[in-house]
N, C-alpha and C. Protein backbone atom coordinates (compact mmCIF):
# COMPACT_ATOMS: atom_id res chain seq x y z
N MET A 1 16.75 -12.57 13.94
CA MET A 1 16.61 -12.48 12.49
C MET A 1 16.01 -11.12 12.11
N SER A 2 16.56 -10.50 11.11
CA SER A 2 16.09 -9.20 10.65
C SER A 2 15.30 -9.35 9.36
N ASP A 3 14.29 -8.52 9.20
CA ASP A 3 13.51 -8.53 7.96
C ASP A 3 14.04 -7.52 6.96
N ARG A 4 15.20 -6.98 7.21
CA ARG A 4 15.80 -6.01 6.29
C ARG A 4 16.40 -6.75 5.10
N PRO A 5 16.46 -6.09 3.94
CA PRO A 5 17.14 -6.69 2.79
C PRO A 5 18.63 -6.88 3.10
N PRO A 6 19.30 -7.82 2.43
CA PRO A 6 20.71 -8.08 2.75
C PRO A 6 21.62 -6.87 2.51
N CYS A 7 21.23 -5.95 1.63
CA CYS A 7 22.09 -4.80 1.35
C CYS A 7 21.98 -3.72 2.42
N TRP A 8 21.06 -3.86 3.38
CA TRP A 8 20.82 -2.83 4.39
C TRP A 8 21.34 -3.33 5.74
N LEU A 9 22.51 -2.88 6.13
CA LEU A 9 23.11 -3.29 7.39
C LEU A 9 22.35 -2.69 8.57
N GLU A 10 22.40 -3.36 9.70
CA GLU A 10 21.61 -2.99 10.88
C GLU A 10 21.87 -1.56 11.37
N SER A 11 23.12 -1.13 11.39
CA SER A 11 23.42 0.18 11.94
C SER A 11 23.54 1.27 10.87
N ALA A 12 23.30 0.93 9.61
CA ALA A 12 23.47 1.88 8.51
C ALA A 12 22.13 2.48 8.09
N PRO A 13 22.15 3.68 7.49
CA PRO A 13 20.92 4.24 6.93
C PRO A 13 20.51 3.45 5.69
N CYS A 14 19.31 3.63 5.26
CA CYS A 14 18.80 2.90 4.09
C CYS A 14 19.68 3.17 2.87
N PRO A 15 20.22 2.13 2.21
CA PRO A 15 21.15 2.33 1.12
C PRO A 15 20.51 2.74 -0.20
N ASN A 16 19.27 2.37 -0.43
CA ASN A 16 18.64 2.72 -1.70
C ASN A 16 17.11 2.66 -1.60
N HIS A 17 16.46 3.20 -2.62
CA HIS A 17 15.01 3.28 -2.64
C HIS A 17 14.36 1.90 -2.64
N CYS A 18 14.96 0.95 -3.36
CA CYS A 18 14.41 -0.40 -3.45
C CYS A 18 14.37 -1.07 -2.07
N ALA A 19 15.44 -0.92 -1.30
CA ALA A 19 15.49 -1.51 0.03
C ALA A 19 14.43 -0.89 0.94
N LYS A 20 14.24 0.40 0.82
CA LYS A 20 13.23 1.08 1.65
C LYS A 20 11.83 0.59 1.30
N GLN A 21 11.53 0.42 0.01
CA GLN A 21 10.21 -0.07 -0.40
C GLN A 21 9.98 -1.49 0.11
N LEU A 22 11.00 -2.35 0.01
CA LEU A 22 10.86 -3.71 0.52
C LEU A 22 10.61 -3.70 2.02
N TYR A 23 11.33 -2.86 2.75
CA TYR A 23 11.15 -2.76 4.20
C TYR A 23 9.72 -2.31 4.54
N GLN A 24 9.21 -1.28 3.85
CA GLN A 24 7.84 -0.81 4.08
C GLN A 24 6.82 -1.91 3.80
N ARG A 25 7.05 -2.67 2.73
CA ARG A 25 6.11 -3.72 2.35
C ARG A 25 6.13 -4.87 3.34
N VAL A 26 7.31 -5.29 3.80
CA VAL A 26 7.42 -6.44 4.70
C VAL A 26 7.04 -6.09 6.12
N ILE A 27 7.56 -4.99 6.65
CA ILE A 27 7.35 -4.64 8.05
C ILE A 27 6.00 -3.99 8.30
N TYR A 28 5.63 -2.99 7.48
CA TYR A 28 4.41 -2.23 7.72
C TYR A 28 3.25 -2.62 6.81
N ASN A 29 3.48 -3.57 5.89
CA ASN A 29 2.45 -4.04 4.97
C ASN A 29 1.86 -2.87 4.18
N GLN A 30 2.72 -1.97 3.69
CA GLN A 30 2.30 -0.81 2.92
C GLN A 30 2.89 -0.89 1.53
N THR A 31 2.05 -0.74 0.52
CA THR A 31 2.49 -0.78 -0.87
C THR A 31 2.01 0.47 -1.58
N PRO A 32 2.92 1.33 -2.04
CA PRO A 32 2.49 2.53 -2.78
C PRO A 32 2.03 2.15 -4.18
N LEU A 33 1.13 2.93 -4.75
CA LEU A 33 0.63 2.70 -6.10
C LEU A 33 1.15 3.79 -7.03
N HIS A 34 1.15 3.53 -8.33
CA HIS A 34 1.74 4.45 -9.30
C HIS A 34 0.75 4.78 -10.41
N GLY A 35 1.15 5.66 -11.31
CA GLY A 35 0.30 6.05 -12.44
C GLY A 35 -0.89 6.86 -11.98
N PRO A 36 -2.10 6.53 -12.47
CA PRO A 36 -3.28 7.31 -12.05
C PRO A 36 -3.59 7.14 -10.56
N TRP A 37 -3.02 6.12 -9.92
CA TRP A 37 -3.24 5.88 -8.50
C TRP A 37 -2.13 6.48 -7.66
N SER A 38 -1.30 7.32 -8.25
CA SER A 38 -0.18 7.93 -7.53
C SER A 38 -0.68 8.68 -6.30
N GLY A 39 -0.02 8.45 -5.17
CA GLY A 39 -0.44 9.06 -3.91
C GLY A 39 -1.27 8.10 -3.07
N TRP A 40 -1.92 7.15 -3.70
CA TRP A 40 -2.68 6.13 -2.99
C TRP A 40 -1.72 5.03 -2.58
N ARG A 41 -2.14 4.21 -1.60
CA ARG A 41 -1.33 3.07 -1.20
C ARG A 41 -2.21 1.97 -0.64
N LEU A 42 -1.69 0.76 -0.64
CA LEU A 42 -2.35 -0.35 0.01
C LEU A 42 -1.70 -0.54 1.36
N ALA A 43 -2.51 -0.61 2.40
CA ALA A 43 -2.01 -0.85 3.76
C ALA A 43 -2.84 -1.99 4.34
N GLY A 44 -2.28 -3.18 4.28
CA GLY A 44 -3.03 -4.36 4.73
C GLY A 44 -4.19 -4.61 3.79
N GLN A 45 -5.40 -4.64 4.32
CA GLN A 45 -6.61 -4.87 3.53
C GLN A 45 -7.28 -3.58 3.09
N ARG A 46 -6.63 -2.46 3.31
CA ARG A 46 -7.25 -1.15 3.03
C ARG A 46 -6.58 -0.44 1.88
N LEU A 47 -7.39 0.27 1.10
CA LEU A 47 -6.91 1.19 0.08
C LEU A 47 -6.96 2.57 0.71
N VAL A 48 -5.81 3.24 0.80
CA VAL A 48 -5.70 4.51 1.53
C VAL A 48 -5.46 5.64 0.53
N SER A 49 -6.27 6.70 0.63
CA SER A 49 -6.16 7.85 -0.27
C SER A 49 -5.02 8.76 0.18
N PRO A 50 -4.61 9.71 -0.68
CA PRO A 50 -3.58 10.67 -0.26
C PRO A 50 -4.01 11.52 0.93
N HIS A 51 -5.32 11.61 1.19
CA HIS A 51 -5.84 12.40 2.31
C HIS A 51 -6.06 11.56 3.56
N ARG A 52 -5.54 10.33 3.53
CA ARG A 52 -5.61 9.37 4.64
C ARG A 52 -7.01 8.83 4.90
N GLU A 53 -7.90 8.95 3.94
CA GLU A 53 -9.19 8.27 4.04
C GLU A 53 -8.97 6.87 3.50
N TRP A 54 -9.68 5.88 4.03
CA TRP A 54 -9.45 4.52 3.58
C TRP A 54 -10.77 3.79 3.33
N ILE A 55 -10.66 2.70 2.57
CA ILE A 55 -11.81 1.86 2.29
C ILE A 55 -11.32 0.41 2.23
N THR A 56 -12.12 -0.49 2.76
CA THR A 56 -11.77 -1.91 2.71
C THR A 56 -12.32 -2.52 1.43
N ALA A 57 -11.79 -3.67 1.06
CA ALA A 57 -12.22 -4.35 -0.16
C ALA A 57 -13.71 -4.71 -0.14
N PRO A 58 -14.26 -5.26 0.97
CA PRO A 58 -15.70 -5.59 0.96
C PRO A 58 -16.60 -4.36 0.77
N LEU A 59 -16.23 -3.24 1.39
CA LEU A 59 -17.03 -2.03 1.25
C LEU A 59 -16.96 -1.49 -0.18
N LEU A 60 -15.78 -1.48 -0.75
CA LEU A 60 -15.63 -1.05 -2.14
C LEU A 60 -16.41 -1.96 -3.08
N ASP A 61 -16.39 -3.25 -2.82
CA ASP A 61 -17.14 -4.21 -3.63
C ASP A 61 -18.64 -3.92 -3.56
N ARG A 62 -19.16 -3.62 -2.37
CA ARG A 62 -20.59 -3.29 -2.23
C ARG A 62 -20.94 -2.02 -2.98
N TRP A 63 -20.08 -1.00 -2.87
CA TRP A 63 -20.34 0.26 -3.58
C TRP A 63 -20.35 0.05 -5.08
N LEU A 64 -19.41 -0.71 -5.60
CA LEU A 64 -19.35 -0.96 -7.05
C LEU A 64 -20.54 -1.78 -7.51
N TYR A 65 -20.98 -2.74 -6.70
CA TYR A 65 -22.15 -3.53 -7.04
C TYR A 65 -23.40 -2.65 -7.11
N ARG A 66 -23.59 -1.79 -6.11
CA ARG A 66 -24.75 -0.89 -6.11
C ARG A 66 -24.69 0.07 -7.30
N HIS A 67 -23.52 0.57 -7.63
CA HIS A 67 -23.35 1.46 -8.77
C HIS A 67 -23.74 0.74 -10.07
N GLU A 68 -23.32 -0.50 -10.20
CA GLU A 68 -23.65 -1.29 -11.38
C GLU A 68 -25.16 -1.51 -11.48
N GLN A 69 -25.81 -1.79 -10.36
CA GLN A 69 -27.25 -2.02 -10.35
C GLN A 69 -28.02 -0.74 -10.71
N MET A 70 -27.53 0.39 -10.26
CA MET A 70 -28.24 1.64 -10.51
C MET A 70 -28.08 2.13 -11.95
N PHE A 71 -26.93 1.87 -12.55
CA PHE A 71 -26.63 2.44 -13.87
C PHE A 71 -26.49 1.38 -14.95
N ARG A 72 -27.33 0.39 -14.91
CA ARG A 72 -27.33 -0.65 -15.95
C ARG A 72 -27.85 -0.11 -17.23
């Protein structure tokens, strides 16, 4: 069984941008972000910057909590 979209045949190159995004999301668990987050992406449980630095959700949550406590 293949995880490719039905429009993407096994021996053919990627037919369109939509199929490539679905493949990236299903196989590699990578989701690109748009708008002000352009260049960033979600990879599993991590938020990855355009410079390949990453942060996990629990760490980001702690930083935001500390920021809120300091600047109330």
